[in-house]
Amino acid sequence: MDKIHINGIKTYAYHGAIQEERVLGQYFITDLVLHVDLTDASQTDDLTATVHYGEVYNLVEEIVKGEPVSLIERLAGKINAALFDRYDKIVEIETTITKPNPPIDGNYESVAITLHGKRESSWQ
């Protein structure tokens, strides 16, 4: 399966399980891997034969800036659900959310989760 990668969507938002995170906010970095059949797009040069990554960027930014959640796992789930809902061409999604500066004492670079989603078949 072909893939579209959208990396490093950096958004300031107010998610977190700790109250200070919801008050002060922090950056969240979103990386996406969209599994899409790009055969038609590669042969026709037609934007409608692919997934418009400018629109995907805007949708992800809207979700991340939206209603606060406690867990970045939930945030990734909301992103996956919205992308599957909007784009029939997406077969699978890998969404990684990184918190570069979570409120954890210690020496580390960041904390991240990756949520894998797969479109349910409508025929069975």
PDB file of N, CA and C in Angstrom:
ATOM      1  N   MET A   1       0.858  -1.185   0.000  1.00  0.00           N
ATOM      2  CA  MET A   1       0.000   0.000   0.000  1.00  0.00           C
ATOM      3  C   MET A   1       0.898   1.241   0.000  1.00  0.00           C
ATOM      4  N   ASP A   2       0.492   2.231  -0.757  1.00  0.00           N
ATOM      5  CA  ASP A   2       1.215   3.492  -0.822  1.00  0.00           C
ATOM      6  C   ASP A   2       0.958   4.297   0.454  1.00  0.00           C
ATOM      7  N   LYS A   3       1.811   5.279   0.700  1.00  0.00           N
ATOM      8  CA  LYS A   3       1.704   6.050   1.937  1.00  0.00           C
ATOM      9  C   LYS A   3       1.913   7.529   1.677  1.00  0.00           C
ATOM     10  N   ILE A   4       1.161   8.324   2.396  1.00  0.00           N
ATOM     11  CA  ILE A   4       1.370   9.769   2.453  1.00  0.00           C
ATOM     12  C   ILE A   4       1.843  10.066   3.868  1.00  0.00           C
ATOM     13  N   HIS A   5       2.979  10.745   3.983  1.00  0.00           N
ATOM     14  CA  HIS A   5       3.520  11.136   5.288  1.00  0.00           C
ATOM     15  C   HIS A   5       3.332  12.638   5.474  1.00  0.00           C
ATOM     16  N   ILE A   6       2.795  13.013   6.591  1.00  0.00           N
ATOM     17  CA  ILE A   6       2.689  14.425   6.967  1.00  0.00           C
ATOM     18  C   ILE A   6       3.351  14.515   8.341  1.00  0.00           C
ATOM     19  N   ASN A   7       4.478  15.200   8.408  1.00  0.00           N
ATOM     20  CA  ASN A   7       5.308  15.176   9.609  1.00  0.00           C
ATOM     21  C   ASN A   7       5.439  16.543  10.262  1.00  0.00           C
ATOM     22  N   GLY A   8       5.435  16.520  11.585  1.00  0.00           N
ATOM     23  CA  GLY A   8       5.781  17.701  12.358  1.00  0.00           C
ATOM     24  C   GLY A   8       4.737  18.798  12.402  1.00  0.00           C
ATOM     25  N   ILE A   9       3.458  18.436  12.453  1.00  0.00           N
ATOM     26  CA  ILE A   9       2.410  19.448  12.610  1.00  0.00           C
ATOM     27  C   ILE A   9       2.484  19.928  14.057  1.00  0.00           C
ATOM     28  N   LYS A  10       3.017  21.107  14.255  1.00  0.00           N
ATOM     29  CA  LYS A  10       3.273  21.639  15.598  1.00  0.00           C
ATOM     30  C   LYS A  10       2.160  22.604  15.980  1.00  0.00           C
ATOM     31  N   THR A  11       1.433  22.246  17.035  1.00  0.00           N
ATOM     32  CA  THR A  11       0.244  23.007  17.436  1.00  0.00           C
ATOM     33  C   THR A  11       0.290  23.263  18.935  1.00  0.00           C
ATOM     34  N   TYR A  12       0.024  24.497  19.335  1.00  0.00           N
ATOM     35  CA  TYR A  12      -0.067  24.838  20.758  1.00  0.00           C
ATOM     36  C   TYR A  12      -1.502  24.608  21.210  1.00  0.00           C
ATOM     37  N   ALA A  13      -1.650  23.816  22.284  1.00  0.00           N
ATOM     38  CA  ALA A  13      -2.996  23.476  22.744  1.00  0.00           C
ATOM     39  C   ALA A  13      -2.973  23.194  24.244  1.00  0.00           C
ATOM     40  N   TYR A  14      -4.123  22.787  24.777  1.00  0.00           N
ATOM     41  CA  TYR A  14      -4.333  22.714  26.225  1.00  0.00           C
ATOM     42  C   TYR A  14      -4.816  21.351  26.692  1.00  0.00           C
ATOM     43  N   HIS A  15      -4.162  20.292  26.238  1.00  0.00           N
ATOM     44  CA  HIS A  15      -4.533  18.937  26.625  1.00  0.00           C
ATOM     45  C   HIS A  15      -3.655  18.462  27.780  1.00  0.00           C
ATOM     46  N   GLY A  16      -4.193  17.541  28.567  1.00  0.00           N
ATOM     47  CA  GLY A  16      -3.379  16.927  29.600  1.00  0.00           C
ATOM     48  C   GLY A  16      -4.200  16.475  30.785  1.00  0.00           C
ATOM     49  N   ALA A  17      -3.658  15.526  31.511  1.00  0.00           N
ATOM     50  CA  ALA A  17      -4.327  14.987  32.689  1.00  0.00           C
ATOM     51  C   ALA A  17      -4.073  15.850  33.923  1.00  0.00           C
ATOM     52  N   ILE A  18      -3.062  16.702  33.849  1.00  0.00           N
ATOM     53  CA  ILE A  18      -2.719  17.582  34.965  1.00  0.00           C
ATOM     54  C   ILE A  18      -3.297  18.971  34.687  1.00  0.00           C
ATOM     55  N   GLN A  19      -3.914  19.563  35.684  1.00  0.00           N
ATOM     56  CA  GLN A  19      -4.601  20.849  35.522  1.00  0.00           C
ATOM     57  C   GLN A  19      -3.697  21.929  34.925  1.00  0.00           C
ATOM     58  N   GLU A  20      -2.426  21.966  35.333  1.00  0.00           N
ATOM     59  CA  GLU A  20      -1.513  22.986  34.816  1.00  0.00           C
ATOM     60  C   GLU A  20      -1.347  22.899  33.301  1.00  0.00           C
ATOM     61  N   GLU A  21      -1.410  21.678  32.765  1.00  0.00           N
ATOM     62  CA  GLU A  21      -1.297  21.510  31.317  1.00  0.00           C
ATOM     63  C   GLU A  21      -2.469  22.170  30.605  1.00  0.00           C
ATOM     64  N   ARG A  22      -3.635  22.096  31.214  1.00  0.00           N
ATOM     65  CA  ARG A  22      -4.841  22.674  30.612  1.00  0.00           C
ATOM     66  C   ARG A  22      -4.903  24.182  30.786  1.00  0.00           C
ATOM     67  N   VAL A  23      -4.158  24.701  31.745  1.00  0.00           N
ATOM     68  CA  VAL A  23      -4.128  26.149  31.965  1.00  0.00           C
ATOM     69  C   VAL A  23      -3.011  26.791  31.157  1.00  0.00           C
ATOM     70  N   LEU A  24      -1.809  26.246  31.256  1.00  0.00           N
ATOM     71  CA  LEU A  24      -0.645  26.844  30.605  1.00  0.00           C
ATOM     72  C   LEU A  24      -0.523  26.461  29.138  1.00  0.00           C
ATOM     73  N   GLY A  25      -0.946  25.244  28.798  1.00  0.00           N
ATOM     74  CA  GLY A  25      -0.814  24.756  27.434  1.00  0.00           C
ATOM     75  C   GLY A  25       0.596  24.306  27.125  1.00  0.00           C
ATOM     76  N   GLN A  26       0.762  23.710  25.960  1.00  0.00           N
ATOM     77  CA  GLN A  26       2.067  23.219  25.509  1.00  0.00           C
ATOM     78  C   GLN A  26       1.969  22.860  24.033  1.00  0.00           C
ATOM     79  N   TYR A  27       3.120  22.610  23.426  1.00  0.00           N
ATOM     80  CA  TYR A  27       3.124  22.180  22.034  1.00  0.00           C
ATOM     81  C   TYR A  27       2.863  20.680  21.933  1.00  0.00           C
ATOM     82  N   PHE A  28       2.129  20.317  20.886  1.00  0.00           N
ATOM     83  CA  PHE A  28       1.892  18.933  20.507  1.00  0.00           C
ATOM     84  C   PHE A  28       2.349  18.801  19.061  1.00  0.00           C
ATOM     85  N   ILE A  29       3.089  17.756  18.779  1.00  0.00           N
ATOM     86  CA  ILE A  29       3.573  17.529  17.415  1.00  0.00           C
ATOM     87  C   ILE A  29       2.891  16.270  16.882  1.00  0.00           C
ATOM     88  N   THR A  30       2.244  16.412  15.733  1.00  0.00           N
ATOM     89  CA  THR A  30       1.512  15.311  15.125  1.00  0.00           C
ATOM     90  C   THR A  30       2.209  14.872  13.849  1.00  0.00           C
ATOM     91  N   ASP A  31       2.431  13.572  13.732  1.00  0.00           N
ATOM     92  CA  ASP A  31       2.958  12.959  12.516  1.00  0.00           C
ATOM     93  C   ASP A  31       1.938  11.936  12.036  1.00  0.00           C
ATOM     94  N   LEU A  32       1.695  11.925  10.734  1.00  0.00           N
ATOM     95  CA  LEU A  32       0.705  11.011  10.153  1.00  0.00           C
ATOM     96  C   LEU A  32       1.327  10.170   9.054  1.00  0.00           C
ATOM     97  N   VAL A  33       0.900   8.919   8.995  1.00  0.00           N
ATOM     98  CA  VAL A  33       1.164   8.064   7.845  1.00  0.00           C
ATOM     99  C   VAL A  33      -0.204   7.578   7.381  1.00  0.00           C
ATOM    100  N   LEU A  34      -0.583   8.006   6.191  1.00  0.00           N
ATOM    101  CA  LEU A  34      -1.876   7.637   5.618  1.00  0.00           C
ATOM    102  C   LEU A  34      -1.638   6.583   4.550  1.00  0.00           C
ATOM    103  N   HIS A  35      -2.249   5.424   4.702  1.00  0.00           N
ATOM    104  CA  HIS A  35      -2.120   4.342   3.732  1.00  0.00           C
ATOM    105  C   HIS A  35      -3.235   4.520   2.696  1.00  0.00           C
ATOM    106  N   VAL A  36      -2.812   4.806   1.467  1.00  0.00           N
ATOM    107  CA  VAL A  36      -3.742   5.165   0.401  1.00  0.00           C
ATOM    108  C   VAL A  36      -3.238   4.549  -0.908  1.00  0.00           C
ATOM    109  N   ASP A  37      -4.138   4.078  -1.749  1.00  0.00           N
ATOM    110  CA  ASP A  37      -3.752   3.623  -3.075  1.00  0.00           C
ATOM    111  C   ASP A  37      -3.545   4.867  -3.944  1.00  0.00           C
ATOM    112  N   LEU A  38      -2.300   5.125  -4.311  1.00  0.00           N
ATOM    113  CA  LEU A  38      -1.963   6.318  -5.090  1.00  0.00           C
ATOM    114  C   LEU A  38      -1.740   6.022  -6.570  1.00  0.00           C
ATOM    115  N   THR A  39      -2.159   4.860  -7.036  1.00  0.00           N
ATOM    116  CA  THR A  39      -1.954   4.480  -8.433  1.00  0.00           C
ATOM    117  C   THR A  39      -2.583   5.493  -9.380  1.00  0.00           C
ATOM    118  N   ASP A  40      -3.864   5.801  -9.195  1.00  0.00           N
ATOM    119  CA  ASP A  40      -4.543   6.749 -10.100  1.00  0.00           C
ATOM    120  C   ASP A  40      -3.884   8.121 -10.057  1.00  0.00           C
ATOM    121  N   ALA A  41      -3.556   8.603  -8.873  1.00  0.00           N
ATOM    122  CA  ALA A  41      -2.924   9.928  -8.757  1.00  0.00           C
ATOM    123  C   ALA A  41      -1.580   9.958  -9.473  1.00  0.00           C
ATOM    124  N   SER A  42      -0.825   8.870  -9.373  1.00  0.00           N
ATOM    125  CA  SER A  42       0.493   8.838 -10.018  1.00  0.00           C
ATOM    126  C   SER A  42       0.397   8.782 -11.535  1.00  0.00           C
ATOM    127  N   GLN A  43      -0.732   8.314 -12.036  1.00  0.00           N
ATOM    128  CA  GLN A  43      -0.895   8.188 -13.484  1.00  0.00           C
ATOM    129  C   GLN A  43      -1.664   9.355 -14.104  1.00  0.00           C
ATOM    130  N   THR A  44      -2.516  10.016 -13.325  1.00  0.00           N
ATOM    131  CA  THR A  44      -3.379  11.042 -13.900  1.00  0.00           C
ATOM    132  C   THR A  44      -3.018  12.464 -13.511  1.00  0.00           C
ATOM    133  N   ASP A  45      -2.231  12.633 -12.433  1.00  0.00           N
ATOM    134  CA  ASP A  45      -1.888  13.965 -11.926  1.00  0.00           C
ATOM    135  C   ASP A  45      -3.137  14.724 -11.471  1.00  0.00           C
ATOM    136  N   ASP A  46      -4.144  13.976 -11.006  1.00  0.00           N
ATOM    137  CA  ASP A  46      -5.432  14.532 -10.605  1.00  0.00           C
ATOM    138  C   ASP A  46      -5.509  14.585  -9.071  1.00  0.00           C
ATOM    139  N   LEU A  47      -5.692  15.775  -8.521  1.00  0.00           N
ATOM    140  CA  LEU A  47      -5.742  15.966  -7.072  1.00  0.00           C
ATOM    141  C   LEU A  47      -6.866  15.162  -6.426  1.00  0.00           C
ATOM    142  N   THR A  48      -7.962  14.952  -7.138  1.00  0.00           N
ATOM    143  CA  THR A  48      -9.074  14.197  -6.558  1.00  0.00           C
ATOM    144  C   THR A  48      -8.770  12.696  -6.443  1.00  0.00           C
ATOM    145  N   ALA A  49      -7.660  12.249  -7.027  1.00  0.00           N
ATOM    146  CA  ALA A  49      -7.281  10.836  -6.969  1.00  0.00           C
ATOM    147  C   ALA A  49      -6.371  10.535  -5.772  1.00  0.00           C
ATOM    148  N   THR A  50      -6.168  11.547  -4.926  1.00  0.00           N
ATOM    149  CA  THR A  50      -5.325  11.367  -3.751  1.00  0.00           C
ATOM    150  C   THR A  50      -6.024  11.987  -2.542  1.00  0.00           C
ATOM    151  N   VAL A  51      -5.312  12.100  -1.448  1.00  0.00           N
ATOM    152  CA  VAL A  51      -5.817  12.773  -0.256  1.00  0.00           C
ATOM    153  C   VAL A  51      -5.092  14.105  -0.172  1.00  0.00           C
ATOM    154  N   HIS A  52      -5.833  15.185  -0.170  1.00  0.00           N
ATOM    155  CA  HIS A  52      -5.275  16.544  -0.175  1.00  0.00           C
ATOM    156  C   HIS A  52      -4.635  16.826   1.179  1.00  0.00           C
ATOM    157  N   TYR A  53      -3.318  16.809   1.223  1.00  0.00           N
ATOM    158  CA  TYR A  53      -2.654  16.932   2.522  1.00  0.00           C
ATOM    159  C   TYR A  53      -2.744  18.322   3.120  1.00  0.00           C
ATOM    160  N   GLY A  54      -3.043  19.335   2.341  1.00  0.00           N
ATOM    161  CA  GLY A  54      -3.315  20.658   2.903  1.00  0.00           C
ATOM    162  C   GLY A  54      -4.589  20.646   3.727  1.00  0.00           C
ATOM    163  N   GLU A  55      -5.610  19.955   3.215  1.00  0.00           N
ATOM    164  CA  GLU A  55      -6.855  19.810   3.968  1.00  0.00           C
ATOM    165  C   GLU A  55      -6.647  18.965   5.217  1.00  0.00           C
ATOM    166  N   VAL A  56      -5.835  17.909   5.100  1.00  0.00           N
ATOM    167  CA  VAL A  56      -5.545  17.059   6.256  1.00  0.00           C
ATOM    168  C   VAL A  56      -4.864  17.885   7.341  1.00  0.00           C
ATOM    169  N   TYR A  57      -3.890  18.681   6.941  1.00  0.00           N
ATOM    170  CA  TYR A  57      -3.194  19.555   7.902  1.00  0.00           C
ATOM    171  C   TYR A  57      -4.194  20.434   8.643  1.00  0.00           C
ATOM    172  N   ASN A  58      -5.071  21.092   7.907  1.00  0.00           N
ATOM    173  CA  ASN A  58      -6.049  21.989   8.527  1.00  0.00           C
ATOM    174  C   ASN A  58      -6.981  21.250   9.481  1.00  0.00           C
ATOM    175  N   LEU A  59      -7.412  20.050   9.112  1.00  0.00           N
ATOM    176  CA  LEU A  59      -8.290  19.257   9.967  1.00  0.00           C
ATOM    177  C   LEU A  59      -7.571  18.851  11.258  1.00  0.00           C
ATOM    178  N   VAL A  60      -6.342  18.388  11.141  1.00  0.00           N
ATOM    179  CA  VAL A  60      -5.573  17.987  12.320  1.00  0.00           C
ATOM    180  C   VAL A  60      -5.356  19.185  13.245  1.00  0.00           C
ATOM    181  N   GLU A  61      -4.983  20.307  12.687  1.00  0.00           N
ATOM    182  CA  GLU A  61      -4.765  21.500  13.506  1.00  0.00           C
ATOM    183  C   GLU A  61      -6.056  21.911  14.231  1.00  0.00           C
ATOM    184  N   GLU A  62      -7.172  21.842  13.543  1.00  0.00           N
ATOM    185  CA  GLU A  62      -8.469  22.174  14.146  1.00  0.00           C
ATOM    186  C   GLU A  62      -8.789  21.243  15.322  1.00  0.00           C
ATOM    187  N   ILE A  63      -8.533  19.955  15.153  1.00  0.00           N
ATOM    188  CA  ILE A  63      -8.814  18.989  16.219  1.00  0.00           C
ATOM    189  C   ILE A  63      -7.890  19.218  17.407  1.00  0.00           C
ATOM    190  N   VAL A  64      -6.593  19.400  17.144  1.00  0.00           N
ATOM    191  CA  VAL A  64      -5.634  19.586  18.241  1.00  0.00           C
ATOM    192  C   VAL A  64      -5.915  20.881  18.989  1.00  0.00           C
ATOM    193  N   LYS A  65      -6.312  21.930  18.292  1.00  0.00           N
ATOM    194  CA  LYS A  65      -6.639  23.199  18.954  1.00  0.00           C
ATOM    195  C   LYS A  65      -8.014  23.171  19.616  1.00  0.00           C
ATOM    196  N   GLY A  66      -8.789  22.135  19.360  1.00  0.00           N
ATOM    197  CA  GLY A  66     -10.165  22.048  19.829  1.00  0.00           C
ATOM    198  C   GLY A  66     -10.298  21.654  21.283  1.00  0.00           C
ATOM    199  N   GLU A  67     -11.407  21.017  21.584  1.00  0.00           N
ATOM    200  CA  GLU A  67     -11.771  20.648  22.951  1.00  0.00           C
ATOM    201  C   GLU A  67     -10.658  19.853  23.638  1.00  0.00           C
ATOM    202  N   PRO A  68     -10.225  20.293  24.817  1.00  0.00           N
ATOM    203  CA  PRO A  68      -9.155  19.588  25.535  1.00  0.00           C
ATOM    204  C   PRO A  68      -9.549  18.172  25.930  1.00  0.00           C
ATOM    205  N   VAL A  69      -8.561  17.281  25.896  1.00  0.00           N
ATOM    206  CA  VAL A  69      -8.704  15.908  26.362  1.00  0.00           C
ATOM    207  C   VAL A  69      -7.595  15.637  27.372  1.00  0.00           C
ATOM    208  N   SER A  70      -7.770  14.624  28.168  1.00  0.00           N
ATOM    209  CA  SER A  70      -6.749  14.279  29.162  1.00  0.00           C
ATOM    210  C   SER A  70      -5.581  13.522  28.543  1.00  0.00           C
ATOM    211  N   LEU A  71      -5.876  12.626  27.602  1.00  0.00           N
ATOM    212  CA  LEU A  71      -4.859  11.727  27.059  1.00  0.00           C
ATOM    213  C   LEU A  71      -4.567  12.010  25.594  1.00  0.00           C
ATOM    214  N   ILE A  72      -3.281  11.967  25.240  1.00  0.00           N
ATOM    215  CA  ILE A  72      -2.944  12.130  23.827  1.00  0.00           C
ATOM    216  C   ILE A  72      -3.406  10.912  23.021  1.00  0.00           C
ATOM    217  N   GLU A  73      -3.631   9.786  23.689  1.00  0.00           N
ATOM    218  CA  GLU A  73      -4.215   8.637  23.014  1.00  0.00           C
ATOM    219  C   GLU A  73      -5.605   8.987  22.485  1.00  0.00           C
ATOM    220  N   ARG A  74      -6.389   9.694  23.287  1.00  0.00           N
ATOM    221  CA  ARG A  74      -7.735  10.128  22.866  1.00  0.00           C
ATOM    222  C   ARG A  74      -7.640  11.138  21.725  1.00  0.00           C
ATOM    223  N   LEU A  75      -6.681  12.036  21.808  1.00  0.00           N
ATOM    224  CA  LEU A  75      -6.485  13.026  20.750  1.00  0.00           C
ATOM    225  C   LEU A  75      -6.180  12.337  19.418  1.00  0.00           C
ATOM    226  N   ALA A  76      -5.301  11.344  19.443  1.00  0.00           N
ATOM    227  CA  ALA A  76      -4.984  10.587  18.224  1.00  0.00           C
ATOM    228  C   ALA A  76      -6.215   9.844  17.714  1.00  0.00           C
ATOM    229  N   GLY A  77      -7.025   9.313  18.625  1.00  0.00           N
ATOM    230  CA  GLY A  77      -8.255   8.630  18.221  1.00  0.00           C
ATOM    231  C   GLY A  77      -9.226   9.565  17.527  1.00  0.00           C
ATOM    232  N   LYS A  78      -9.333  10.798  18.021  1.00  0.00           N
ATOM    233  CA  LYS A  78     -10.216  11.780  17.386  1.00  0.00           C
ATOM    234  C   LYS A  78      -9.725  12.137  15.989  1.00  0.00           C
ATOM    235  N   ILE A  79      -8.420  12.251  15.838  1.00  0.00           N
ATOM    236  CA  ILE A  79      -7.841  12.555  14.527  1.00  0.00           C
ATOM    237  C   ILE A  79      -8.120  11.413  13.555  1.00  0.00           C
ATOM    238  N   ASN A  80      -7.846  10.185  13.979  1.00  0.00           N
ATOM    239  CA  ASN A  80      -8.086   9.034  13.094  1.00  0.00           C
ATOM    240  C   ASN A  80      -9.548   8.953  12.670  1.00  0.00           C
ATOM    241  N   ALA A  81     -10.460   9.104  13.625  1.00  0.00           N
ATOM    242  CA  ALA A  81     -11.890   9.017  13.307  1.00  0.00           C
ATOM    243  C   ALA A  81     -12.296  10.086  12.301  1.00  0.00           C
ATOM    244  N   ALA A  82     -11.816  11.305  12.485  1.00  0.00           N
ATOM    245  CA  ALA A  82     -12.169  12.403  11.575  1.00  0.00           C
ATOM    246  C   ALA A  82     -11.607  12.161  10.174  1.00  0.00           C
ATOM    247  N   LEU A  83     -10.389  11.645  10.087  1.00  0.00           N
ATOM    248  CA  LEU A  83      -9.792  11.385   8.776  1.00  0.00           C
ATOM    249  C   LEU A  83     -10.510  10.247   8.048  1.00  0.00           C
ATOM    250  N   PHE A  84     -10.842   9.173   8.767  1.00  0.00           N
ATOM    251  CA  PHE A  84     -11.603   8.086   8.130  1.00  0.00           C
ATOM    252  C   PHE A  84     -12.971   8.580   7.675  1.00  0.00           C
ATOM    253  N   ASP A  85     -13.588   9.440   8.472  1.00  0.00           N
ATOM    254  CA  ASP A  85     -14.910   9.965   8.137  1.00  0.00           C
ATOM    255  C   ASP A  85     -14.863  10.839   6.878  1.00  0.00           C
ATOM    256  N   ARG A  86     -13.821  11.615   6.730  1.00  0.00           N
ATOM    257  CA  ARG A  86     -13.747  12.572   5.625  1.00  0.00           C
ATOM    258  C   ARG A  86     -13.168  11.989   4.338  1.00  0.00           C
ATOM    259  N   TYR A  87     -12.266  11.010   4.440  1.00  0.00           N
ATOM    260  CA  TYR A  87     -11.548  10.527   3.255  1.00  0.00           C
ATOM    261  C   TYR A  87     -11.725   9.028   3.073  1.00  0.00           C
ATOM    262  N   ASP A  88     -12.545   8.650   2.107  1.00  0.00           N
ATOM    263  CA  ASP A  88     -12.784   7.237   1.809  1.00  0.00           C
ATOM    264  C   ASP A  88     -11.534   6.534   1.290  1.00  0.00           C
ATOM    265  N   LYS A  89     -10.609   7.283   0.717  1.00  0.00           N
ATOM    266  CA  LYS A  89      -9.416   6.686   0.126  1.00  0.00           C
ATOM    267  C   LYS A  89      -8.428   6.163   1.173  1.00  0.00           C
ATOM    268  N   ILE A  90      -8.530   6.645   2.405  1.00  0.00           N
ATOM    269  CA  ILE A  90      -7.607   6.210   3.455  1.00  0.00           C
ATOM    270  C   ILE A  90      -8.017   4.823   3.947  1.00  0.00           C
ATOM    271  N   VAL A  91      -7.072   3.891   3.898  1.00  0.00           N
ATOM    272  CA  VAL A  91      -7.312   2.516   4.320  1.00  0.00           C
ATOM    273  C   VAL A  91      -6.810   2.302   5.750  1.00  0.00           C
ATOM    274  N   GLU A  92      -5.650   2.858   6.051  1.00  0.00           N
ATOM    275  CA  GLU A  92      -5.064   2.766   7.388  1.00  0.00           C
ATOM    276  C   GLU A  92      -4.412   4.096   7.733  1.00  0.00           C
ATOM    277  N   ILE A  93      -4.295   4.345   9.040  1.00  0.00           N
ATOM    278  CA  ILE A  93      -3.659   5.573   9.523  1.00  0.00           C
ATOM    279  C   ILE A  93      -2.759   5.218  10.705  1.00  0.00           C
ATOM    280  N   GLU A  94      -1.596   5.817  10.723  1.00  0.00           N
ATOM    281  CA  GLU A  94      -0.731   5.793  11.897  1.00  0.00           C
ATOM    282  C   GLU A  94      -0.575   7.237  12.341  1.00  0.00           C
ATOM    283  N   THR A  95      -1.095   7.556  13.515  1.00  0.00           N
ATOM    284  CA  THR A  95      -1.010   8.906  14.050  1.00  0.00           C
ATOM    285  C   THR A  95      -0.106   8.883  15.269  1.00  0.00           C
ATOM    286  N   THR A  96       0.945   9.681  15.217  1.00  0.00           N
ATOM    287  CA  THR A  96       1.857   9.820  16.352  1.00  0.00           C
ATOM    288  C   THR A  96       1.701  11.217  16.925  1.00  0.00           C
ATOM    289  N   ILE A  97       1.447  11.284  18.227  1.00  0.00           N
ATOM    290  CA  ILE A  97       1.375  12.557  18.934  1.00  0.00           C
ATOM    291  C   ILE A  97       2.559  12.605  19.896  1.00  0.00           C
ATOM    292  N   THR A  98       3.344  13.659  19.793  1.00  0.00           N
ATOM    293  CA  THR A  98       4.504  13.854  20.652  1.00  0.00           C
ATOM    294  C   THR A  98       4.281  15.056  21.546  1.00  0.00           C
ATOM    295  N   LYS A  99       4.590  14.879  22.827  1.00  0.00           N
ATOM    296  CA  LYS A  99       4.617  15.984  23.783  1.00  0.00           C
ATOM    297  C   LYS A  99       6.094  16.245  24.088  1.00  0.00           C
ATOM    298  N   PRO A 100       6.661  17.325  23.529  1.00  0.00           N
ATOM    299  CA  PRO A 100       8.077  17.589  23.742  1.00  0.00           C
ATOM    300  C   PRO A 100       8.431  17.924  25.200  1.00  0.00           C
ATOM    301  N   ASN A 101       7.499  18.526  25.924  1.00  0.00           N
ATOM    302  CA  ASN A 101       7.801  18.975  27.283  1.00  0.00           C
ATOM    303  C   ASN A 101       6.712  18.623  28.280  1.00  0.00           C
ATOM    304  N   PRO A 102       6.402  17.334  28.445  1.00  0.00           N
ATOM    305  CA  PRO A 102       5.382  16.989  29.429  1.00  0.00           C
ATOM    306  C   PRO A 102       5.905  17.242  30.845  1.00  0.00           C
ATOM    307  N   PRO A 103       5.009  17.421  31.799  1.00  0.00           N
ATOM    308  CA  PRO A 103       5.429  17.734  33.163  1.00  0.00           C
ATOM    309  C   PRO A 103       5.924  16.494  33.915  1.00  0.00           C
ATOM    310  N   ILE A 104       7.065  15.967  33.479  1.00  0.00           N
ATOM    311  CA  ILE A 104       7.673  14.803  34.104  1.00  0.00           C
ATOM    312  C   ILE A 104       9.101  15.180  34.483  1.00  0.00           C
ATOM    313  N   ASP A 105       9.463  14.977  35.732  1.00  0.00           N
ATOM    314  CA  ASP A 105      10.841  15.221  36.142  1.00  0.00           C
ATOM    315  C   ASP A 105      11.731  14.152  35.535  1.00  0.00           C
ATOM    316  N   GLY A 106      12.879  14.568  35.036  1.00  0.00           N
ATOM    317  CA  GLY A 106      13.826  13.602  34.490  1.00  0.00           C
ATOM    318  C   GLY A 106      14.496  14.125  33.236  1.00  0.00           C
ATOM    319  N   ASN A 107      15.399  13.334  32.715  1.00  0.00           N
ATOM    320  CA  ASN A 107      16.177  13.701  31.546  1.00  0.00           C
ATOM    321  C   ASN A 107      15.713  12.849  30.360  1.00  0.00           C
ATOM    322  N   TYR A 108      14.939  13.438  29.462  1.00  0.00           N
ATOM    323  CA  TYR A 108      14.407  12.734  28.295  1.00  0.00           C
ATOM    324  C   TYR A 108      14.117  13.774  27.222  1.00  0.00           C
ATOM    325  N   GLU A 109      13.933  13.328  26.015  1.00  0.00           N
ATOM    326  CA  GLU A 109      13.674  14.250  24.903  1.00  0.00           C
ATOM    327  C   GLU A 109      12.191  14.568  24.757  1.00  0.00           C
ATOM    328  N   SER A 110      11.343  13.547  24.820  1.00  0.00           N
ATOM    329  CA  SER A 110       9.913  13.760  24.628  1.00  0.00           C
ATOM    330  C   SER A 110       9.164  12.482  25.008  1.00  0.00           C
ATOM    331  N   VAL A 111       7.847  12.583  24.995  1.00  0.00           N
ATOM    332  CA  VAL A 111       6.967  11.434  25.184  1.00  0.00           C
ATOM    333  C   VAL A 111       6.037  11.406  23.980  1.00  0.00           C
ATOM    334  N   ALA A 112       5.801  10.208  23.428  1.00  0.00           N
ATOM    335  CA  ALA A 112       4.941  10.104  22.249  1.00  0.00           C
ATOM    336  C   ALA A 112       4.165   8.795  22.282  1.00  0.00           C
ATOM    337  N   ILE A 113       3.025   8.811  21.593  1.00  0.00           N
ATOM    338  CA  ILE A 113       2.253   7.593  21.366  1.00  0.00           C
ATOM    339  C   ILE A 113       1.964   7.505  19.869  1.00  0.00           C
ATOM    340  N   THR A 114       1.801   6.296  19.390  1.00  0.00           N
ATOM    341  CA  THR A 114       1.357   6.073  18.015  1.00  0.00           C
ATOM    342  C   THR A 114       0.116   5.211  18.065  1.00  0.00           C
ATOM    343  N   LEU A 115      -0.936   5.706  17.433  1.00  0.00           N
ATOM    344  CA  LEU A 115      -2.195   4.971  17.356  1.00  0.00           C
ATOM    345  C   LEU A 115      -2.403   4.531  15.911  1.00  0.00           C
ATOM    346  N   HIS A 116      -2.613   3.241  15.726  1.00  0.00           N
ATOM    347  CA  HIS A 116      -2.832   2.685  14.394  1.00  0.00           C
ATOM    348  C   HIS A 116      -4.317   2.427  14.220  1.00  0.00           C
ATOM    349  N   GLY A 117      -4.869   2.917  13.127  1.00  0.00           N
ATOM    350  CA  GLY A 117      -6.272   2.677  12.824  1.00  0.00           C
ATOM    351  C   GLY A 117      -6.410   2.042  11.458  1.00  0.00           C
ATOM    352  N   LYS A 118      -7.402   1.173  11.333  1.00  0.00           N
ATOM    353  CA  LYS A 118      -7.670   0.505  10.065  1.00  0.00           C
ATOM    354  C   LYS A 118      -9.149   0.623   9.771  1.00  0.00           C
ATOM    355  N   ARG A 119      -9.448   0.995   8.532  1.00  0.00           N
ATOM    356  CA  ARG A 119     -10.852   1.143   8.134  1.00  0.00           C
ATOM    357  C   ARG A 119     -11.564  -0.203   8.216  1.00  0.00           C
ATOM    358  N   GLU A 120     -12.742  -0.189   8.808  1.00  0.00           N
ATOM    359  CA  GLU A 120     -13.557  -1.398   8.882  1.00  0.00           C
ATOM    360  C   GLU A 120     -14.174  -1.655   7.527  1.00  0.00           C
ATOM    361  N   SER A 121     -14.199  -2.895   7.098  1.00  0.00           N
ATOM    362  CA  SER A 121     -14.823  -3.235   5.817  1.00  0.00           C
ATOM    363  C   SER A 121     -16.332  -3.111   5.946  1.00  0.00           C
ATOM    364  N   SER A 122     -16.960  -2.546   4.925  1.00  0.00           N
ATOM    365  CA  SER A 122     -18.408  -2.426   4.935  1.00  0.00           C
ATOM    366  C   SER A 122     -19.079  -3.689   4.419  1.00  0.00           C
ATOM    367  N   TRP A 123     -18.325  -4.603   3.833  1.00  0.00           N
ATOM    368  CA  TRP A 123     -18.863  -5.874   3.347  1.00  0.00           C
ATOM    369  C   TRP A 123     -18.192  -7.004   4.119  1.00  0.00           C
ATOM    370  N   GLN A 124     -18.962  -7.960   4.525  1.00  0.00           N
ATOM    371  CA  GLN A 124     -18.397  -9.104   5.238  1.00  0.00           C
ATOM    372  C   GLN A 124     -19.297 -10.296   5.096  1.00  0.00           C
TER     373      GLN A 124
END
